[in-house]
Amino acid sequence: MKGRILIMAGSDSGGGAGIQADIKTVTMLGGFAMTAVTALTAQNTLGVHEVMPVSPAFVIAQMRCVMDDLGVDAFKSGMLDRPEVIEAIAGVLMTAVGIPYVLDPVMVAKGGAALLQDSALSALKSRLLPLASVLTPNLPEAEVLLDRRIGNRMEMVAAAHDLLALGPRAVLLKGGHMEGDELVDVLLARGGAAEEFVTRRIHTRHTHGTGCTLASAIATGLGQGMSLRDAVVRARAYVHKAIAGAPGYGSGAGPLDHTAGMATWPS
């Protein structure tokens, strides 16, 4: 049940999100994490301070050498900040027919820094959404993709249908930005009915990397042969436990505990 997961995303020097969170998540769920770094960031719990781009050619080189030698059971993408990188990744994914692809449309960091250039949005919608097995936007990202406000659960369901019409085979619309003690996510796949998943909100500022973690957890499940629904259920449970066990590091939006529930070695 290993699952070889190739992640295309930016790094996080603070270790809470991005490639670092992705690797931790895939490993904790029994998969094998592989990476194609799309950008380097200097960031901590207070925000993103600098971004160093990686050339599209080198992103492709990372993907190709992994695919040609190790093989891939599922793809996941996170921070893809430039249209050139999106175009490059789309070109590679089009050759990987039948392999699940989880698209997390990362647009803004927890601290407010833009992680997707304005010029990249149209490329994301036209080139990557039609290739995605599942799209995992939070509410602000969904509002950008649909160019409208989403204010309640009924509007979330309608938004999930409209996001599905943009091309992905399934959508998991995350409701963490909605106010209230209940956290609602909406899952909708082609040919199916919308399903709402409801959990009790954990009131904490330590939620850095939740989107990266959830998407990578879903990709791991798909790469291990799980159904989409089962992968989502396990991923949500894992993220909830990781938030509950957050170590409290940093002065801002702190990281999760990706090892939550794992027995510790004697010190």
Protein backbone atom coordinates (compact mmCIF):
# COMPACT_ATOMS: atom_id res chain seq x y z
CA MET A 1 0.00 0.00 0.00
CA LYS A 2 3.02 2.28 -0.42
CA GLY A 3 2.02 4.74 -3.12
CA ARG A 4 4.61 6.83 -5.01
CA ILE A 5 3.48 10.47 -4.83
CA LEU A 6 5.15 13.15 -6.95
CA ILE A 7 4.57 16.64 -5.55
CA MET A 8 5.08 19.81 -7.59
CA ALA A 9 5.14 22.74 -5.16
CA GLY A 10 7.19 25.44 -3.49
CA SER A 11 9.34 24.99 -0.43
CA ASP A 12 8.68 26.41 3.05
CA SER A 13 11.82 27.13 5.06
CA GLY A 14 9.68 27.14 8.21
CA GLY A 15 8.72 23.52 7.59
CA GLY A 16 4.98 24.00 8.10
CA ALA A 17 3.66 24.09 4.55
CA GLY A 18 4.74 23.47 0.97
CA ILE A 19 7.08 20.65 0.01
CA GLN A 20 8.15 20.10 3.61
CA ALA A 21 4.58 19.54 4.82
CA ASP A 22 3.86 17.40 1.77
CA ILE A 23 6.77 15.05 2.45
CA LYS A 24 5.80 14.68 6.10
CA THR A 25 2.19 13.95 5.22
CA VAL A 26 2.89 11.37 2.53
CA THR A 27 5.41 9.62 4.76
CA MET A 28 3.10 9.52 7.77
CA LEU A 29 0.34 7.97 5.67
CA GLY A 30 2.60 5.21 4.41
CA GLY A 31 3.41 6.61 0.97
CA PHE A 32 6.70 7.45 -0.72
CA ALA A 33 7.12 11.18 -1.37
CA MET A 34 8.99 12.55 -4.38
CA THR A 35 9.28 16.22 -5.34
CA ALA A 36 9.68 18.75 -8.11
CA VAL A 37 10.36 22.08 -6.41
CA THR A 38 8.70 24.98 -8.28
CA ALA A 39 10.00 27.86 -6.12
CA LEU A 40 12.07 28.44 -3.00
CA THR A 41 10.59 30.61 -0.27
CA ALA A 42 12.05 32.27 2.79
CA GLN A 43 9.14 32.10 5.21
CA ASN A 44 8.14 31.47 8.79
CA THR A 45 4.91 31.59 10.77
CA LEU A 46 4.67 35.36 10.20
CA GLY A 47 4.65 35.14 6.41
CA VAL A 48 6.59 34.78 3.18
CA HIS A 49 9.59 37.12 3.08
CA GLU A 50 11.24 36.20 -0.23
CA VAL A 51 10.59 33.94 -3.20
CA MET A 52 13.25 32.53 -5.52
CA PRO A 53 11.79 31.09 -8.76
CA VAL A 54 12.88 27.79 -10.28
CA SER A 55 13.07 27.65 -14.07
CA PRO A 56 10.32 25.73 -15.86
CA ALA A 57 12.94 23.61 -17.61
CA PHE A 58 14.35 22.49 -14.27
CA VAL A 59 10.86 21.74 -12.93
CA ILE A 60 10.32 19.48 -15.95
CA ALA A 61 13.74 17.87 -15.43
CA GLN A 62 12.85 17.03 -11.82
CA MET A 63 9.55 15.48 -12.86
CA ARG A 64 10.92 13.52 -15.78
CA CYS A 65 13.84 11.94 -13.97
CA VAL A 66 11.55 10.80 -11.16
CA MET A 67 8.89 9.45 -13.51
CA ASP A 68 11.37 7.65 -15.76
CA ASP A 69 13.13 5.84 -12.93
CA LEU A 70 10.92 5.56 -9.83
CA GLY A 71 7.45 5.71 -11.35
CA VAL A 72 4.42 7.64 -10.04
CA ASP A 73 1.11 6.47 -8.56
CA ALA A 74 -0.34 9.98 -8.00
CA PHE A 75 0.56 13.63 -8.58
CA LYS A 76 -0.12 16.62 -6.34
CA SER A 77 0.55 20.27 -7.12
CA GLY A 78 0.66 23.20 -4.74
CA MET A 79 2.36 26.55 -5.26
CA LEU A 80 2.72 27.17 -9.01
CA ASP A 81 3.38 30.88 -9.11
CA ARG A 82 4.02 31.61 -12.81
CA PRO A 83 2.22 30.76 -16.08
CA GLU A 84 5.44 29.32 -17.54
CA VAL A 85 5.67 26.78 -14.71
CA ILE A 86 2.00 25.88 -15.09
CA GLU A 87 2.43 25.35 -18.83
CA ALA A 88 5.48 23.19 -18.24
CA ILE A 89 3.77 20.98 -15.66
CA ALA A 90 0.64 20.66 -17.80
CA GLY A 91 2.78 19.39 -20.66
CA VAL A 92 4.21 16.62 -18.49
CA LEU A 93 0.88 15.68 -16.91
CA MET A 94 -0.73 15.28 -20.32
CA THR A 95 1.67 12.38 -20.94
CA ALA A 96 0.69 10.66 -17.66
CA VAL A 97 -2.79 9.46 -18.65
CA GLY A 98 -4.68 7.57 -15.96
CA ILE A 99 -2.56 8.67 -13.00
CA PRO A 100 -4.55 10.60 -10.35
CA TYR A 101 -3.71 14.29 -9.97
CA VAL A 102 -4.72 16.41 -6.97
CA LEU A 103 -4.66 20.15 -7.71
CA ASP A 104 -4.42 22.47 -4.71
CA PRO A 105 -4.75 25.96 -6.25
CA VAL A 106 -2.46 27.77 -3.83
CA MET A 107 -2.95 31.52 -4.26
CA VAL A 108 -2.23 33.32 -0.98
CA ALA A 109 -0.08 32.36 2.01
CA LYS A 110 -1.50 32.40 5.55
CA GLY A 111 0.32 35.69 6.15
CA GLY A 112 -1.31 37.31 3.12
CA ALA A 113 1.53 37.10 0.57
CA ALA A 114 0.41 36.37 -3.00
CA LEU A 115 1.73 33.01 -4.20
CA LEU A 116 0.07 33.04 -7.63
CA GLN A 117 0.80 35.78 -10.11
CA ASP A 118 -2.27 37.41 -11.69
CA SER A 119 -1.03 36.31 -15.10
CA ALA A 120 -0.96 32.68 -13.93
CA LEU A 121 -4.65 32.41 -13.02
CA SER A 122 -5.92 31.97 -16.57
CA ALA A 123 -3.24 29.35 -17.25
CA LEU A 124 -4.23 27.48 -14.09
CA LYS A 125 -7.87 27.44 -15.16
CA SER A 126 -7.33 26.55 -18.82
CA ARG A 127 -4.36 24.16 -18.56
CA LEU A 128 -4.50 22.39 -15.20
CA LEU A 129 -8.12 22.26 -14.07
CA PRO A 130 -9.14 19.98 -16.97
CA LEU A 131 -6.35 17.56 -15.99
CA ALA A 132 -7.21 17.36 -12.29
CA SER A 133 -8.74 14.27 -10.71
CA VAL A 134 -9.75 16.47 -7.79
CA LEU A 135 -9.51 20.21 -7.16
CA THR A 136 -9.13 21.28 -3.49
CA PRO A 137 -9.73 25.04 -3.16
CA ASN A 138 -10.50 26.86 0.06
CA LEU A 139 -13.25 29.47 -0.03
CA PRO A 140 -11.08 32.48 -1.00
CA GLU A 141 -9.49 30.45 -3.81
CA ALA A 142 -12.89 29.28 -5.03
CA GLU A 143 -14.12 32.86 -5.00
CA VAL A 144 -11.21 33.89 -7.24
CA LEU A 145 -11.79 30.96 -9.60
CA LEU A 146 -15.51 31.76 -9.88
CA ASP A 147 -15.23 35.54 -9.48
CA ARG A 148 -18.00 35.71 -6.88
CA ARG A 149 -18.57 35.64 -3.14
CA ILE A 150 -19.46 32.38 -1.35
CA GLY A 151 -21.22 33.15 1.93
CA ASN A 152 -22.98 30.04 3.25
CA ARG A 153 -23.34 26.27 2.94
CA MET A 154 -25.96 26.45 0.19
CA GLU A 155 -23.69 28.71 -1.83
CA MET A 156 -20.81 26.28 -1.22
CA VAL A 157 -22.76 23.46 -2.87
CA ALA A 158 -23.63 25.69 -5.83
CA ALA A 159 -19.99 26.76 -6.07
CA ALA A 160 -18.83 23.13 -6.07
CA HIS A 161 -21.05 22.46 -9.11
CA ASP A 162 -19.69 25.52 -10.90
CA LEU A 163 -16.09 24.59 -10.09
CA LEU A 164 -16.73 21.11 -11.47
CA ALA A 165 -17.91 22.74 -14.69
CA LEU A 166 -14.43 24.28 -15.09
CA GLY A 167 -13.01 20.85 -15.90
CA PRO A 168 -11.81 18.78 -12.92
CA ARG A 169 -13.32 15.34 -12.36
CA ALA A 170 -14.08 16.14 -8.72
CA VAL A 171 -14.01 19.07 -6.30
CA LEU A 172 -13.44 19.23 -2.56
CA LEU A 173 -14.45 22.76 -1.54
CA LYS A 174 -13.03 23.51 1.91
CA GLY A 175 -15.09 25.68 4.25
CA GLY A 176 -12.51 26.50 6.89
CA HIS A 177 -12.78 30.24 6.18
CA MET A 178 -16.50 30.25 6.94
CA GLU A 179 -17.40 31.56 10.40
CA GLY A 180 -18.91 29.33 13.07
CA ASP A 181 -18.02 26.35 15.24
CA GLU A 182 -18.73 23.82 12.50
CA LEU A 183 -16.27 23.25 9.69
CA VAL A 184 -17.96 22.10 6.48
CA ASP A 185 -16.31 20.73 3.35
CA VAL A 186 -18.24 19.83 0.19
CA LEU A 187 -17.19 16.91 -2.05
CA LEU A 188 -18.65 16.63 -5.53
CA ALA A 189 -17.63 14.29 -8.34
CA ARG A 190 -18.89 14.06 -11.90
CA GLY A 191 -22.14 12.13 -12.05
CA GLY A 192 -22.63 12.20 -8.29
CA ALA A 193 -24.41 14.22 -5.64
CA ALA A 194 -22.69 16.71 -3.37
CA GLU A 195 -21.71 15.35 0.04
CA GLU A 196 -21.03 17.54 3.05
CA PHE A 197 -18.44 16.59 5.66
CA VAL A 198 -18.86 18.33 9.00
CA THR A 199 -16.41 18.49 11.90
CA ARG A 200 -16.12 20.60 15.02
CA ARG A 201 -13.76 23.52 14.49
CA ILE A 202 -10.60 23.64 16.58
CA HIS A 203 -10.15 27.30 17.51
CA THR A 204 -6.42 27.89 17.10
CA ARG A 205 -4.01 30.10 15.16
CA HIS A 206 -1.83 27.06 14.42
CA THR A 207 -3.20 26.11 11.01
CA HIS A 208 -0.24 26.81 8.73
CA GLY A 209 -0.05 24.21 5.97
CA THR A 210 -3.52 22.70 6.39
CA GLY A 211 -4.30 22.99 2.68
CA CYS A 212 -1.00 21.47 1.57
CA THR A 213 -1.38 18.69 4.11
CA LEU A 214 -4.95 17.83 3.13
CA ALA A 215 -4.22 17.74 -0.60
CA SER A 216 -1.13 15.59 -0.13
CA ALA A 217 -3.06 13.25 2.15
CA ILE A 218 -5.74 12.84 -0.52
CA ALA A 219 -3.10 12.24 -3.21
CA THR A 220 -1.51 9.58 -1.03
CA GLY A 221 -4.81 7.78 -0.63
CA LEU A 222 -5.50 7.88 -4.37
CA GLY A 223 -1.97 6.66 -5.09
CA GLN A 224 -2.57 3.77 -2.71
CA GLY A 225 -5.69 2.72 -4.58
CA MET A 226 -8.31 4.18 -2.25
CA SER A 227 -11.57 5.59 -3.58
CA LEU A 228 -11.80 9.37 -3.63
CA ARG A 229 -14.30 9.43 -0.78
CA ASP A 230 -12.21 7.13 1.40
CA ALA A 231 -9.09 9.18 0.65
CA VAL A 232 -10.92 12.37 1.63
CA VAL A 233 -12.27 10.87 4.86
CA ARG A 234 -8.82 9.67 5.93
CA ALA A 235 -7.18 12.95 4.89
CA ARG A 236 -9.65 15.07 6.86
CA ALA A 237 -9.22 12.90 9.96
CA TYR A 238 -5.43 13.17 9.67
CA VAL A 239 -5.49 16.97 9.32
CA HIS A 240 -7.88 17.32 12.27
CA LYS A 241 -5.56 15.29 14.48
CA ALA A 242 -2.51 17.23 13.24
CA ILE A 243 -4.20 20.56 14.10
CA ALA A 244 -5.21 19.28 17.53
CA GLY A 245 -1.62 18.29 18.25
CA ALA A 246 0.01 21.48 16.91
CA PRO A 247 3.21 22.13 18.88
CA GLY A 248 2.62 25.89 19.24
CA TYR A 249 5.76 27.03 17.45
CA GLY A 250 6.19 30.57 16.15
CA SER A 251 4.56 33.93 16.73
CA GLY A 252 2.08 33.73 13.86
CA ALA A 253 0.18 30.95 12.11
CA GLY A 254 2.03 27.98 13.53
CA PRO A 255 2.63 24.55 11.95
CA LEU A 256 0.69 21.36 12.52
CA ASP A 257 1.98 18.20 14.18
CA HIS A 258 2.33 15.88 11.21
CA THR A 259 3.40 13.06 13.51
CA ALA A 260 0.13 13.19 15.48
CA GLY A 261 -0.86 9.74 16.63
CA MET A 262 2.56 8.21 15.96
CA ALA A 263 4.25 6.37 18.82
CA THR A 264 7.47 8.16 19.84
CA TRP A 265 10.84 6.48 20.20
CA PRO A 266 12.40 6.42 23.70
CA SER A 267 14.71 9.39 24.22
